[in-house]
Protein backbone atom coordinates (compact mmCIF):
# COMPACT_ATOMS: atom_id res chain seq x y z
CA MET A 1 0.00 0.00 0.00
CA ASP A 2 2.80 2.43 0.90
CA GLN A 3 4.56 1.61 -2.35
CA GLU A 4 1.41 2.37 -4.34
CA ILE A 5 1.06 5.73 -2.57
CA SER A 6 4.72 6.55 -3.30
CA LEU A 7 4.33 5.74 -6.99
CA GLU A 8 1.19 7.84 -7.19
CA LYS A 9 2.97 10.71 -5.46
CA HIS A 10 5.67 10.79 -8.14
CA LYS A 11 3.36 10.44 -11.12
CA ASP A 12 4.02 13.11 -13.74
CA ILE A 13 1.61 16.02 -13.99
CA VAL A 14 -0.47 15.79 -17.15
CA LEU A 15 -1.84 19.21 -18.03
CA ASN A 16 -5.47 19.68 -18.88
CA PRO A 17 -5.27 21.74 -22.11
CA TRP A 18 -8.24 23.87 -21.02
CA ILE A 19 -5.92 25.51 -18.48
CA LEU A 20 -4.27 27.25 -21.44
CA PHE A 21 -7.41 29.37 -21.85
CA LEU A 22 -6.96 31.04 -18.45
CA PRO A 23 -4.38 33.61 -19.69
CA TYR A 24 -7.00 34.84 -22.17
CA LEU A 25 -9.55 35.82 -19.50
CA PRO A 26 -8.16 39.40 -19.27
CA VAL A 27 -9.24 39.87 -22.91
CA ILE A 28 -12.88 39.71 -21.77
CA VAL A 29 -12.28 42.13 -18.89
CA ILE A 30 -10.42 44.60 -21.11
CA ALA A 31 -13.09 44.41 -23.83
CA LEU A 32 -15.74 45.26 -21.22
CA ALA A 33 -13.63 48.12 -19.82
CA VAL A 34 -13.06 49.64 -23.26
CA GLY A 35 -16.74 49.25 -24.15
CA ILE A 36 -17.92 50.88 -20.92
CA ASP A 37 -15.40 53.69 -21.37
CA ALA A 38 -16.68 54.34 -24.91
CA ALA A 39 -20.29 54.37 -23.68
CA THR A 40 -19.64 56.68 -20.72
CA GLY A 41 -16.97 58.93 -22.22
CA TYR A 42 -14.89 58.54 -19.06
CA GLY A 43 -11.55 58.88 -20.86
CA LEU A 44 -9.90 55.87 -19.25
CA ALA A 45 -7.14 55.65 -21.89
CA GLY A 46 -5.63 58.95 -20.77
CA ARG A 47 -5.57 57.87 -17.12
CA LEU A 48 -3.58 54.67 -17.66
CA PRO A 49 0.19 54.12 -18.03
CA SER A 50 1.37 54.01 -21.62
CA SER A 51 3.19 50.68 -21.20
CA PRO A 52 2.86 47.58 -18.99
CA TYR A 53 6.53 47.98 -18.14
CA GLN A 54 5.62 51.12 -16.18
CA VAL A 55 3.58 48.88 -13.86
CA PHE A 56 6.15 47.57 -11.37
CA LEU A 57 4.13 44.54 -10.26
CA TYR A 58 3.57 43.39 -13.83
CA SER A 59 7.24 43.70 -14.73
CA LEU A 60 8.24 41.91 -11.55
CA ILE A 61 5.93 38.91 -11.85
CA PHE A 62 5.10 38.57 -15.55
CA GLY A 63 7.96 40.17 -17.47
CA ASN A 64 11.38 38.57 -17.02
CA PRO A 65 10.59 35.67 -14.61
CA HIS A 66 9.61 33.16 -17.29
CA VAL A 67 12.69 34.18 -19.30
CA ILE A 68 14.89 33.35 -16.33
CA ALA A 69 12.93 30.17 -15.61
CA SER A 70 13.66 28.97 -19.15
CA THR A 71 17.37 29.55 -18.57
CA LEU A 72 17.40 27.79 -15.18
CA ILE A 73 15.95 24.69 -16.84
CA LEU A 74 19.14 24.30 -18.86
CA LEU A 75 21.28 23.90 -15.73
CA ASP A 76 21.09 20.16 -16.31
CA LYS A 77 23.97 18.06 -17.69
CA GLU A 78 21.79 16.00 -20.01
CA TYR A 79 20.15 19.12 -21.41
CA ILE A 80 23.47 20.86 -21.94
CA ARG A 81 24.73 17.87 -23.94
CA PHE A 82 21.51 17.63 -25.96
CA TYR A 83 20.97 21.33 -26.73
CA GLY A 84 24.48 22.77 -26.44
CA ARG A 85 25.56 22.51 -30.09
CA LYS A 86 22.19 23.65 -31.46
CA ILE A 87 22.07 26.64 -29.13
CA PHE A 88 25.69 27.57 -29.89
CA ILE A 89 25.14 27.55 -33.68
CA ARG A 90 22.02 29.69 -33.38
CA ALA A 91 23.66 32.06 -30.89
CA VAL A 92 26.61 32.62 -33.26
CA PHE A 93 24.23 33.20 -36.17
CA VAL A 94 22.16 35.74 -34.21
CA SER A 95 25.33 37.44 -32.93
CA ILE A 96 26.53 37.93 -36.50
CA ILE A 97 23.17 39.44 -37.50
CA VAL A 98 23.14 41.75 -34.46
CA ALA A 99 26.74 42.84 -35.07
CA ALA A 100 25.95 43.61 -38.72
CA ILE A 101 22.85 45.60 -37.77
CA LEU A 102 24.73 47.61 -35.15
CA HIS A 103 27.69 48.26 -37.45
CA TYR A 104 25.81 49.22 -40.61
CA LEU A 105 22.44 50.49 -39.34
CA GLY A 106 23.02 51.56 -35.75
CA MET A 107 21.28 51.17 -32.39
CA ASN A 108 17.91 52.39 -33.66
CA ALA A 109 17.78 49.51 -36.16
CA PHE A 110 18.89 47.03 -33.50
CA TYR A 111 15.99 47.95 -31.23
CA ALA A 112 13.58 47.69 -34.16
CA PHE A 113 14.98 44.21 -34.86
CA PHE A 114 14.82 43.20 -31.20
CA TYR A 115 11.24 44.40 -30.66
CA SER A 116 10.10 42.68 -33.87
CA TRP A 117 11.79 39.47 -32.70
CA THR A 118 10.02 39.80 -29.37
CA ILE A 119 6.59 40.11 -30.99
CA LEU A 120 7.37 37.21 -33.33
CA HIS A 121 8.39 35.10 -30.33
CA VAL A 122 5.32 36.03 -28.26
CA ASN A 123 2.77 35.37 -30.98
CA LYS A 124 4.41 32.30 -32.48
CA GLN A 125 4.27 30.56 -29.09
CA GLN A 126 0.55 31.07 -28.71
CA LEU A 127 -0.21 30.18 -32.33
CA GLY A 128 2.10 27.16 -32.09
CA ILE A 129 0.10 25.91 -29.11
CA GLY A 130 -3.01 26.30 -31.23
CA LYS A 131 -1.40 24.15 -33.90
CA MET A 132 -0.72 21.48 -31.28
CA LEU A 133 -4.33 21.55 -30.07
CA ASN A 134 -5.69 21.40 -33.63
CA ARG A 135 -3.79 18.15 -34.24
CA GLN A 136 -4.08 18.52 -38.02
CA TYR A 137 -1.58 19.94 -40.49
CA SER A 138 -2.70 23.02 -42.41
CA LYS A 139 -0.69 25.24 -44.73
CA GLN A 140 -3.45 27.81 -44.42
CA TYR A 141 -2.88 27.96 -40.67
CA ASP A 142 0.85 28.58 -41.22
CA TYR A 143 0.20 31.41 -43.71
CA TRP A 144 -2.41 32.91 -41.40
CA SER A 145 0.05 32.78 -38.49
CA TRP A 146 2.54 34.99 -40.33
CA LEU A 147 -0.18 37.47 -41.23
CA TYR A 148 -1.22 37.52 -37.57
CA VAL A 149 2.38 38.28 -36.55
CA ALA A 150 2.73 41.04 -39.16
CA VAL A 151 -0.43 42.79 -37.95
CA SER A 152 0.78 42.47 -34.34
CA ILE A 153 4.11 44.11 -35.24
CA PHE A 154 2.35 47.03 -36.92
CA ILE A 155 0.05 47.49 -33.93
CA ALA A 156 3.12 47.58 -31.70
CA ILE A 157 4.73 50.22 -33.92
CA GLY A 158 1.49 52.20 -33.97
CA VAL A 159 1.16 52.36 -30.18
CA GLY A 160 4.83 53.25 -29.70
CA TYR A 161 6.03 49.94 -28.27
CA PHE A 162 9.19 50.07 -30.39
CA LYS A 163 10.31 53.32 -28.72
CA VAL A 164 12.42 54.03 -31.81
CA ASN A 165 11.80 55.73 -35.13
CA THR A 166 10.89 53.02 -37.63
CA HIS A 167 10.52 55.56 -40.46
CA VAL A 168 7.23 53.90 -41.46
CA PRO A 169 4.53 56.50 -42.30
CA PHE A 170 1.77 56.53 -39.69
CA GLN A 171 -0.99 56.36 -42.33
CA PHE A 172 0.54 53.17 -43.74
CA ILE A 173 0.73 51.69 -40.23
CA HIS A 174 -2.90 52.60 -39.55
CA ASP A 175 -4.15 51.22 -42.87
CA PHE A 176 -2.19 47.99 -42.47
CA VAL A 177 -3.58 47.42 -38.97
CA VAL A 178 -7.18 48.06 -40.05
CA LEU A 179 -7.13 46.27 -43.40
CA GLY A 180 -4.57 43.58 -42.54
CA GLY A 181 -6.20 42.96 -39.18
CA THR A 182 -9.65 42.60 -40.73
CA LEU A 183 -8.27 40.16 -43.31
CA THR A 184 -6.55 38.19 -40.53
CA LEU A 185 -9.77 37.91 -38.55
CA LEU A 186 -11.79 36.78 -41.59
CA PHE A 187 -9.09 34.33 -42.70
CA GLY A 188 -8.94 32.99 -39.14
CA LEU A 189 -12.70 32.40 -39.04
CA LEU A 190 -12.46 30.38 -42.27
CA ILE A 191 -9.72 28.24 -40.72
CA VAL A 192 -11.90 27.70 -37.62
CA LEU A 193 -14.50 26.04 -39.85
CA ARG A 194 -11.86 23.57 -41.08
CA ILE A 195 -10.63 22.52 -37.63
CA LYS A 196 -12.14 19.26 -36.39
CA LYS A 197 -11.15 19.38 -32.71
CA ASP A 198 -13.42 21.56 -30.58
CA ILE A 199 -10.57 22.65 -28.31
CA GLY A 200 -8.58 23.71 -31.39
CA LYS A 201 -11.53 25.77 -32.63
CA TYR A 202 -11.95 27.50 -29.26
CA TYR A 203 -8.25 28.22 -28.89
CA LEU A 204 -8.08 29.78 -32.34
CA LEU A 205 -11.18 31.84 -31.53
CA SER A 206 -9.43 32.99 -28.33
CA ASN A 207 -6.47 34.24 -30.35
CA LEU A 208 -8.82 35.94 -32.81
CA ALA A 209 -10.61 37.63 -29.90
CA LEU A 210 -7.26 38.75 -28.53
CA LEU A 211 -6.29 40.29 -31.88
CA ALA A 212 -9.70 41.94 -32.35
CA VAL A 213 -9.65 43.54 -28.89
CA THR A 214 -6.01 44.60 -29.39
CA MET A 215 -7.02 46.34 -32.64
CA VAL A 216 -9.85 48.14 -30.83
CA CYS A 217 -7.43 49.19 -28.07
CA TYR A 218 -5.05 50.53 -30.72
CA LEU A 219 -7.83 52.52 -32.39
CA ARG A 220 -9.15 53.84 -29.06
CA GLY A 221 -5.71 54.83 -27.72
CA PHE A 222 -5.40 52.16 -25.01
CA THR A 223 -1.65 51.65 -25.38
CA LEU A 224 -1.31 49.72 -22.12
CA PHE A 225 -3.98 47.17 -23.04
CA ALA A 226 -2.80 46.85 -26.65
CA ILE A 227 0.64 45.74 -25.46
CA LEU A 228 -0.42 43.93 -22.30
CA MET A 229 -2.83 41.28 -23.57
CA SER A 230 -0.56 39.25 -25.85
CA ARG A 231 2.36 39.59 -23.42
CA PHE A 232 0.24 38.42 -20.50
CA ALA A 233 -1.08 35.40 -22.43
CA HIS A 234 2.46 34.47 -23.49
CA ASP A 235 4.14 35.01 -20.12
CA ILE A 236 1.57 33.08 -18.08
CA THR A 237 1.38 30.22 -20.58
CA ALA A 238 5.17 29.93 -20.59
CA TYR A 239 5.30 29.91 -16.80
CA ILE A 240 2.74 27.10 -16.68
CA PHE A 241 4.97 25.12 -19.04
CA TYR A 242 8.22 25.73 -17.19
CA VAL A 243 6.95 25.05 -13.68
CA THR A 244 5.16 21.85 -14.80
CA HIS A 245 8.24 20.71 -16.71
CA ASP A 246 10.55 21.32 -13.75
CA ILE A 247 8.34 19.37 -11.38
CA ASN A 248 8.07 16.39 -13.74
CA ARG A 249 11.76 16.45 -14.72
CA ASN A 250 13.11 16.71 -11.17
CA THR A 251 10.70 14.42 -9.30
CA PRO A 252 11.48 12.16 -7.53
CA LYS A 253 15.21 12.62 -8.25
CA PRO A 254 16.44 16.18 -8.98
CA LYS A 255 18.63 16.53 -12.06
CA GLN A 256 19.12 20.30 -12.10
CA PHE A 257 21.79 21.33 -9.59
CA ILE A 258 19.73 24.06 -7.85
CA TYR A 259 16.96 21.56 -7.16
CA LYS A 260 19.57 19.16 -5.84
CA LEU A 261 20.55 21.76 -3.23
CA THR A 262 16.94 22.41 -2.20
CA ARG A 263 15.80 18.78 -2.35
CA ASN A 264 13.29 17.81 0.36
CA ARG A 265 13.42 21.35 1.78
CA VAL A 266 11.55 23.60 -0.63
CA PRO A 267 8.97 22.56 -3.28
CA ILE A 268 10.28 22.73 -6.84
CA TRP A 269 7.56 25.14 -7.97
CA LEU A 270 8.48 27.55 -5.17
CA VAL A 271 12.21 27.38 -5.96
CA CYS A 272 11.51 28.07 -9.64
CA MET A 273 9.28 31.05 -8.86
CA ALA A 274 11.52 32.46 -6.13
CA MET A 275 14.67 32.26 -8.25
CA SER A 276 13.10 33.65 -11.40
CA ILE A 277 11.19 36.48 -9.69
CA GLY A 278 14.19 37.30 -7.47
CA LEU A 279 16.57 37.63 -10.40
CA ALA A 280 13.95 39.54 -12.38
CA ALA A 281 13.61 41.98 -9.48
CA LEU A 282 17.37 42.56 -9.55
CA LEU A 283 17.20 43.45 -13.25
CA LEU A 284 14.16 45.65 -12.65
CA VAL A 285 15.31 47.76 -9.69
CA ASN A 286 18.89 48.27 -10.87
CA GLN A 287 18.90 50.59 -13.87
CA SER A 288 22.60 50.23 -14.74
CA VAL A 289 23.60 49.88 -18.39
CA LEU A 290 25.33 46.58 -17.61
CA LEU A 291 22.23 44.95 -16.14
CA PHE A 292 20.07 46.36 -18.94
CA ASN A 293 22.37 44.72 -21.48
CA ILE A 294 22.26 41.49 -19.47
CA ALA A 295 18.43 41.61 -19.55
CA VAL A 296 18.46 42.12 -23.35
CA ALA A 297 20.96 39.26 -23.77
CA LEU A 298 18.86 36.98 -21.54
CA ASN A 299 15.77 37.69 -23.61
CA GLY A 300 17.66 37.00 -26.83
CA PHE A 301 18.99 33.75 -25.38
CA HIS A 302 15.45 32.86 -24.31
CA TYR A 303 14.12 33.39 -27.83
CA ILE A 304 16.82 31.10 -29.21
CA THR A 305 16.33 28.32 -26.67
CA GLU A 306 12.53 28.36 -26.63
CA ALA A 307 12.52 27.84 -30.39
CA LEU A 308 14.25 24.51 -29.67
CA THR A 309 13.05 23.29 -26.29
CA TRP A 310 9.37 22.69 -27.03
CA LYS A 311 9.74 20.96 -30.39
CA ARG A 312 8.16 17.52 -30.60
CA ASP A 313 11.50 15.62 -30.49
CA SER A 314 13.05 17.68 -27.67
CA LEU A 315 13.94 16.46 -24.17
CA HIS A 316 11.65 19.09 -22.67
CA ARG A 317 8.59 17.57 -24.32
CA LYS A 318 9.28 14.27 -22.57
CA HIS A 319 8.41 15.99 -19.31
CA LEU A 320 5.42 18.03 -20.48
CA SER A 321 2.30 16.30 -21.68
CA PHE A 322 -1.34 17.18 -22.25
CA ASP A 323 -4.52 15.18 -21.98
CA LEU A 324 -5.73 15.69 -25.55
CA ASN A 325 -8.23 12.82 -25.58
């Protein structure tokens, strides 16, 4: 009996895929807030911060922590052997691109590149999850995904997320958001009709709702909301993945050296959160150029590694599973 209890205790966590809809709940709240503001003429947009990064609590809990959590995962000998060469090749390739941009185009172009990469990374994760839930290959979905990303980038430019001069005329940005966004929504609805799995349909509809509300926020001047929604969905989803992975990978026997030190003393989920939020706080409260550059480098490293770690044949996927029945 004791042995059965022990085995049950160490059984891997299998995620219910419906939990992935939770990060989209703020979309409903924000849509209601924007609608009420339009009806009452309260002028809420002018009373809010212009960026989620001006909200300390958001930056502390939802900004860099999942980036750091993804890096902590790699402190594992088996993972270093498996991913090391792939990460190194990609890191060298990105370094060459960054060096060329800085040398020939300057810092302004680098930030434009970095912010575009960030938006690509954020949206591709959520749309990639949708592809997993659909469980059917579709070229149309892939084309639609890139259109979705392009519209998201132009919205970000339009609300000033890039914080640099992109030299793109505002009228072109506005027209692309309105026309391209409308096309993306219509194209997405057509793809919904082709998806057989209900959960895949609902997840795609969630991403369409997110884009639609983001477009409205852009048009109504809600900069904070326009930036916040996709980031929040991405950051929370990623954190669910990393914490679940770490628990499954390091239970009952820790393989990552930090978890070896804290074994039987502190729960893995608490160590992961404490370490990632603690290091994120250090980057947030210290405004030195060195730590800022470290934060940028960590994010770039995160974009490289996350493009590898959740692929179907990766080691990470062995410790993260969903009940898709």
